Amino acid sequence: MKVLVRNFVSKRGEIDLVLKDHECLIFAEVKARSSEKWNRPAAAVNQKKRRHLSMAALDYLKSIRNPEVKVRFDIVEVLLNQDEVREIRHLPNSFEMETPFRYR
């Protein structure tokens, strides 16, 4: 994967990473936690967050003239131990674009 953009911000949301993998654009949300005592970091990506990510993704796609590409949404979990990275988990295709939004 190639990183295209870090911290894309639009009026409707923010995307931590925009990546390209062949002919697919990946919108990735990064969640870091020092503990999984209560929940995994991915659990913080609730419906409201998915909606904002979907809208920001559409804004990004519009900014690059709506190319003919597949899109997917990933989550990257970062587990910390005293501010140092202990583990990174990549969860590909974690969710789909929220209804009523769609792309192509």
N, C-alpha and C. Protein backbone atom coordinates (compact mmCIF):
# COMPACT_ATOMS: atom_id res chain seq x y z
N MET A 1 0.84 -1.18 0.00
CA MET A 1 0.00 0.00 0.00
C MET A 1 0.88 1.24 0.00
N LYS A 2 0.37 2.24 -0.64
CA LYS A 2 1.08 3.52 -0.69
C LYS A 2 0.25 4.58 0.04
N VAL A 3 0.88 5.31 0.93
CA VAL A 3 0.19 6.40 1.64
C VAL A 3 0.07 7.58 0.70
N LEU A 4 -1.17 8.04 0.48
CA LEU A 4 -1.41 9.20 -0.36
C LEU A 4 -1.57 10.48 0.46
N VAL A 5 -2.31 10.38 1.57
CA VAL A 5 -2.61 11.56 2.38
C VAL A 5 -2.68 11.14 3.84
N ARG A 6 -2.15 12.00 4.70
CA ARG A 6 -2.31 11.83 6.15
C ARG A 6 -3.18 12.97 6.64
N ASN A 7 -4.15 12.65 7.48
CA ASN A 7 -5.02 13.66 8.11
C ASN A 7 -5.76 14.54 7.10
N PHE A 8 -6.51 13.91 6.21
CA PHE A 8 -7.36 14.66 5.30
C PHE A 8 -8.54 15.23 6.09
N VAL A 9 -8.78 16.53 5.95
CA VAL A 9 -9.85 17.19 6.68
C VAL A 9 -10.78 17.88 5.69
N SER A 10 -12.08 17.64 5.87
CA SER A 10 -13.09 18.37 5.12
C SER A 10 -14.07 18.95 6.13
N LYS A 11 -15.03 19.70 5.64
CA LYS A 11 -16.04 20.29 6.54
C LYS A 11 -16.87 19.20 7.20
N ARG A 12 -16.92 18.02 6.59
CA ARG A 12 -17.82 16.97 7.09
C ARG A 12 -17.11 15.86 7.86
N GLY A 13 -15.80 15.92 7.96
CA GLY A 13 -15.11 14.87 8.70
C GLY A 13 -13.63 14.87 8.44
N GLU A 14 -12.97 13.89 9.05
CA GLU A 14 -11.51 13.76 8.94
C GLU A 14 -11.16 12.30 8.70
N ILE A 15 -10.15 12.08 7.89
CA ILE A 15 -9.66 10.73 7.63
C ILE A 15 -8.19 10.68 8.02
N ASP A 16 -7.82 9.72 8.85
CA ASP A 16 -6.44 9.64 9.32
C ASP A 16 -5.47 9.32 8.18
N LEU A 17 -5.80 8.32 7.37
CA LEU A 17 -4.93 7.92 6.27
C LEU A 17 -5.74 7.60 5.03
N VAL A 18 -5.25 8.06 3.89
CA VAL A 18 -5.79 7.64 2.59
C VAL A 18 -4.64 6.90 1.91
N LEU A 19 -4.92 5.65 1.55
CA LEU A 19 -3.90 4.79 0.95
C LEU A 19 -4.38 4.27 -0.39
N LYS A 20 -3.44 3.80 -1.18
CA LYS A 20 -3.79 3.18 -2.46
C LYS A 20 -3.18 1.79 -2.50
N ASP A 21 -4.01 0.83 -2.87
CA ASP A 21 -3.57 -0.55 -3.05
C ASP A 21 -4.08 -0.99 -4.41
N HIS A 22 -3.22 -0.99 -5.40
CA HIS A 22 -3.59 -1.26 -6.78
C HIS A 22 -4.66 -0.27 -7.22
N GLU A 23 -5.84 -0.73 -7.57
CA GLU A 23 -6.91 0.17 -8.03
C GLU A 23 -7.96 0.43 -6.95
N CYS A 24 -7.55 0.32 -5.70
CA CYS A 24 -8.46 0.53 -4.58
C CYS A 24 -7.95 1.66 -3.69
N LEU A 25 -8.84 2.59 -3.34
CA LEU A 25 -8.50 3.62 -2.36
C LEU A 25 -8.98 3.14 -0.99
N ILE A 26 -8.12 3.27 -0.01
CA ILE A 26 -8.42 2.81 1.34
C ILE A 26 -8.46 4.02 2.26
N PHE A 27 -9.55 4.15 2.98
CA PHE A 27 -9.71 5.20 3.98
C PHE A 27 -9.55 4.52 5.33
N ALA A 28 -8.49 4.89 6.05
CA ALA A 28 -8.17 4.19 7.29
C ALA A 28 -8.31 5.10 8.50
N GLU A 29 -8.95 4.56 9.51
CA GLU A 29 -9.10 5.22 10.81
C GLU A 29 -8.13 4.55 11.77
N VAL A 30 -7.29 5.35 12.41
CA VAL A 30 -6.30 4.83 13.35
C VAL A 30 -6.79 5.10 14.77
N LYS A 31 -6.83 4.06 15.58
CA LYS A 31 -7.26 4.18 16.97
C LYS A 31 -6.18 3.60 17.88
N ALA A 32 -5.68 4.42 18.78
CA ALA A 32 -4.64 3.98 19.70
C ALA A 32 -5.20 3.92 21.12
N ARG A 33 -4.78 2.91 21.86
CA ARG A 33 -5.20 2.72 23.24
C ARG A 33 -4.05 2.13 24.04
N SER A 34 -4.02 2.44 25.31
CA SER A 34 -3.00 1.86 26.19
C SER A 34 -3.49 0.58 26.84
N SER A 35 -4.80 0.32 26.72
CA SER A 35 -5.36 -0.87 27.35
C SER A 35 -6.59 -1.34 26.58
N GLU A 36 -6.79 -2.63 26.61
CA GLU A 36 -8.01 -3.21 26.05
C GLU A 36 -8.92 -3.70 27.17
N LYS A 37 -8.73 -3.15 28.33
CA LYS A 37 -9.47 -3.59 29.51
C LYS A 37 -10.98 -3.51 29.28
N TRP A 38 -11.45 -2.43 28.65
CA TRP A 38 -12.89 -2.26 28.45
C TRP A 38 -13.33 -2.64 27.05
N ASN A 39 -12.58 -2.24 26.04
CA ASN A 39 -12.94 -2.50 24.64
C ASN A 39 -11.70 -2.49 23.77
N ARG A 40 -11.83 -3.11 22.61
CA ARG A 40 -10.77 -2.98 21.61
C ARG A 40 -10.83 -1.57 21.03
N PRO A 41 -9.72 -1.05 20.53
CA PRO A 41 -9.73 0.29 19.95
C PRO A 41 -10.74 0.45 18.82
N ALA A 42 -10.95 -0.58 18.02
CA ALA A 42 -11.89 -0.50 16.89
C ALA A 42 -13.32 -0.24 17.35
N ALA A 43 -13.63 -0.59 18.58
CA ALA A 43 -14.99 -0.38 19.09
C ALA A 43 -15.35 1.10 19.14
N ALA A 44 -14.35 1.98 19.13
CA ALA A 44 -14.61 3.42 19.16
C ALA A 44 -15.11 3.95 17.81
N VAL A 45 -15.03 3.14 16.78
CA VAL A 45 -15.51 3.55 15.47
C VAL A 45 -16.99 3.17 15.38
N ASN A 46 -17.80 3.99 16.01
CA ASN A 46 -19.25 3.73 16.07
C ASN A 46 -19.95 4.27 14.82
N GLN A 47 -21.26 4.17 14.81
CA GLN A 47 -22.03 4.57 13.63
C GLN A 47 -21.82 6.05 13.30
N LYS A 48 -21.79 6.90 14.31
CA LYS A 48 -21.59 8.33 14.06
C LYS A 48 -20.22 8.57 13.41
N LYS A 49 -19.18 7.90 13.91
CA LYS A 49 -17.83 8.05 13.35
C LYS A 49 -17.78 7.51 11.93
N ARG A 50 -18.44 6.37 11.68
CA ARG A 50 -18.47 5.79 10.34
C ARG A 50 -19.17 6.73 9.37
N ARG A 51 -20.21 7.40 9.83
CA ARG A 51 -20.93 8.36 8.99
C ARG A 51 -20.02 9.53 8.60
N HIS A 52 -19.28 10.07 9.57
CA HIS A 52 -18.36 11.17 9.28
C HIS A 52 -17.22 10.72 8.35
N LEU A 53 -16.74 9.52 8.56
CA LEU A 53 -15.70 8.99 7.67
C LEU A 53 -16.23 8.82 6.25
N SER A 54 -17.46 8.36 6.13
CA SER A 54 -18.09 8.19 4.80
C SER A 54 -18.21 9.54 4.09
N MET A 55 -18.68 10.55 4.81
CA MET A 55 -18.83 11.87 4.20
C MET A 55 -17.47 12.47 3.82
N ALA A 56 -16.48 12.31 4.69
CA ALA A 56 -15.14 12.83 4.39
C ALA A 56 -14.54 12.09 3.20
N ALA A 57 -14.79 10.78 3.10
CA ALA A 57 -14.30 10.02 1.95
C ALA A 57 -14.91 10.54 0.65
N LEU A 58 -16.20 10.81 0.67
CA LEU A 58 -16.84 11.38 -0.52
C LEU A 58 -16.26 12.74 -0.87
N ASP A 59 -15.95 13.54 0.13
CA ASP A 59 -15.32 14.84 -0.11
C ASP A 59 -13.93 14.65 -0.73
N TYR A 60 -13.17 13.68 -0.22
CA TYR A 60 -11.85 13.42 -0.79
C TYR A 60 -11.98 12.96 -2.25
N LEU A 61 -12.89 12.05 -2.50
CA LEU A 61 -13.08 11.55 -3.86
C LEU A 61 -13.47 12.68 -4.81
N LYS A 62 -14.32 13.57 -4.34
CA LYS A 62 -14.72 14.72 -5.16
C LYS A 62 -13.51 15.61 -5.44
N SER A 63 -12.64 15.77 -4.44
CA SER A 63 -11.46 16.63 -4.62
C SER A 63 -10.48 16.09 -5.66
N ILE A 64 -10.54 14.78 -5.92
CA ILE A 64 -9.68 14.18 -6.95
C ILE A 64 -10.49 13.77 -8.18
N ARG A 65 -11.63 14.41 -8.35
CA ARG A 65 -12.49 14.27 -9.54
C ARG A 65 -13.15 12.90 -9.70
N ASN A 66 -13.52 12.29 -8.60
CA ASN A 66 -14.31 11.06 -8.60
C ASN A 66 -13.79 9.99 -9.57
N PRO A 67 -12.61 9.46 -9.31
CA PRO A 67 -12.04 8.46 -10.22
C PRO A 67 -12.80 7.14 -10.17
N GLU A 68 -12.59 6.34 -11.20
CA GLU A 68 -13.17 4.99 -11.26
C GLU A 68 -12.30 4.06 -10.40
N VAL A 69 -12.58 4.01 -9.13
CA VAL A 69 -11.82 3.16 -8.21
C VAL A 69 -12.76 2.48 -7.23
N LYS A 70 -12.29 1.38 -6.71
CA LYS A 70 -12.99 0.75 -5.59
C LYS A 70 -12.56 1.48 -4.33
N VAL A 71 -13.43 1.49 -3.34
CA VAL A 71 -13.08 2.10 -2.06
C VAL A 71 -13.35 1.11 -0.93
N ARG A 72 -12.55 1.25 0.13
CA ARG A 72 -12.81 0.41 1.29
C ARG A 72 -12.38 1.18 2.53
N PHE A 73 -12.93 0.76 3.66
CA PHE A 73 -12.67 1.41 4.94
C PHE A 73 -12.00 0.41 5.87
N ASP A 74 -10.82 0.77 6.34
CA ASP A 74 -10.04 -0.08 7.25
C ASP A 74 -9.91 0.62 8.60
N ILE A 75 -9.62 -0.17 9.61
CA ILE A 75 -9.28 0.35 10.92
C ILE A 75 -7.89 -0.18 11.27
N VAL A 76 -7.08 0.69 11.84
CA VAL A 76 -5.77 0.29 12.34
C VAL A 76 -5.78 0.51 13.85
N GLU A 77 -5.60 -0.58 14.58
CA GLU A 77 -5.53 -0.51 16.04
C GLU A 77 -4.07 -0.44 16.47
N VAL A 78 -3.77 0.52 17.33
CA VAL A 78 -2.42 0.66 17.86
C VAL A 78 -2.50 0.49 19.37
N LEU A 79 -1.82 -0.52 19.88
CA LEU A 79 -1.79 -0.76 21.32
C LEU A 79 -0.47 -0.24 21.87
N LEU A 80 -0.57 0.56 22.92
CA LEU A 80 0.60 1.22 23.51
C LEU A 80 0.94 0.63 24.87
N ASN A 81 2.20 0.72 25.20
CA ASN A 81 2.67 0.35 26.53
C ASN A 81 3.63 1.46 26.97
N GLN A 82 3.19 2.30 27.89
CA GLN A 82 3.97 3.45 28.36
C GLN A 82 4.43 4.30 27.18
N ASP A 83 3.48 4.68 26.34
CA ASP A 83 3.68 5.55 25.18
C ASP A 83 4.54 4.95 24.07
N GLU A 84 4.83 3.66 24.13
CA GLU A 84 5.55 3.00 23.06
C GLU A 84 4.62 1.98 22.40
N VAL A 85 4.75 1.85 21.10
CA VAL A 85 3.90 0.92 20.36
C VAL A 85 4.24 -0.51 20.74
N ARG A 86 3.21 -1.21 21.22
CA ARG A 86 3.36 -2.61 21.61
C ARG A 86 2.90 -3.53 20.49
N GLU A 87 1.81 -3.11 19.80
CA GLU A 87 1.24 -3.95 18.75
C GLU A 87 0.42 -3.08 17.80
N ILE A 88 0.45 -3.45 16.52
CA ILE A 88 -0.38 -2.79 15.51
C ILE A 88 -1.20 -3.87 14.83
N ARG A 89 -2.49 -3.62 14.74
CA ARG A 89 -3.41 -4.56 14.07
C ARG A 89 -4.10 -3.83 12.93
N HIS A 90 -4.00 -4.40 11.74
CA HIS A 90 -4.68 -3.84 10.57
C HIS A 90 -5.93 -4.66 10.33
N LEU A 91 -7.09 -3.99 10.34
CA LEU A 91 -8.38 -4.66 10.14
C LEU A 91 -8.95 -4.19 8.81
N PRO A 92 -8.62 -4.89 7.72
CA PRO A 92 -9.08 -4.46 6.40
C PRO A 92 -10.59 -4.63 6.23
N ASN A 93 -11.16 -3.74 5.43
CA ASN A 93 -12.58 -3.82 5.09
C ASN A 93 -13.44 -3.92 6.34
N SER A 94 -13.18 -3.04 7.30
CA SER A 94 -13.85 -3.09 8.60
C SER A 94 -15.32 -2.72 8.55
N PHE A 95 -15.66 -1.83 7.62
CA PHE A 95 -17.07 -1.44 7.47
C PHE A 95 -17.27 -0.88 6.08
N GLU A 96 -18.54 -0.76 5.70
CA GLU A 96 -18.88 -0.20 4.40
C GLU A 96 -19.35 1.23 4.56
N MET A 97 -19.40 1.95 3.46
CA MET A 97 -19.87 3.33 3.50
C MET A 97 -21.27 3.35 4.10
N GLU A 98 -21.49 4.28 5.01
CA GLU A 98 -22.76 4.37 5.72
C GLU A 98 -23.90 4.76 4.80
N THR A 99 -25.04 4.18 5.02
CA THR A 99 -26.27 4.53 4.32
C THR A 99 -26.66 5.95 4.75
N PRO A 100 -27.10 6.81 3.88
CA PRO A 100 -27.49 6.62 2.50
C PRO A 100 -26.39 6.93 1.50
N PHE A 101 -25.14 7.04 1.96
CA PHE A 101 -24.05 7.42 1.07
C PHE A 101 -23.58 6.23 0.26
N ARG A 102 -23.12 6.51 -0.95
CA ARG A 102 -22.56 5.46 -1.78
C ARG A 102 -21.63 6.08 -2.81
N TYR A 103 -20.76 5.26 -3.32
CA TYR A 103 -19.83 5.73 -4.35
C TYR A 103 -19.85 4.72 -5.50
N ARG A 104 -20.26 5.19 -6.62
CA ARG A 104 -20.34 4.42 -7.86
C ARG A 104 -21.15 3.20 -7.72
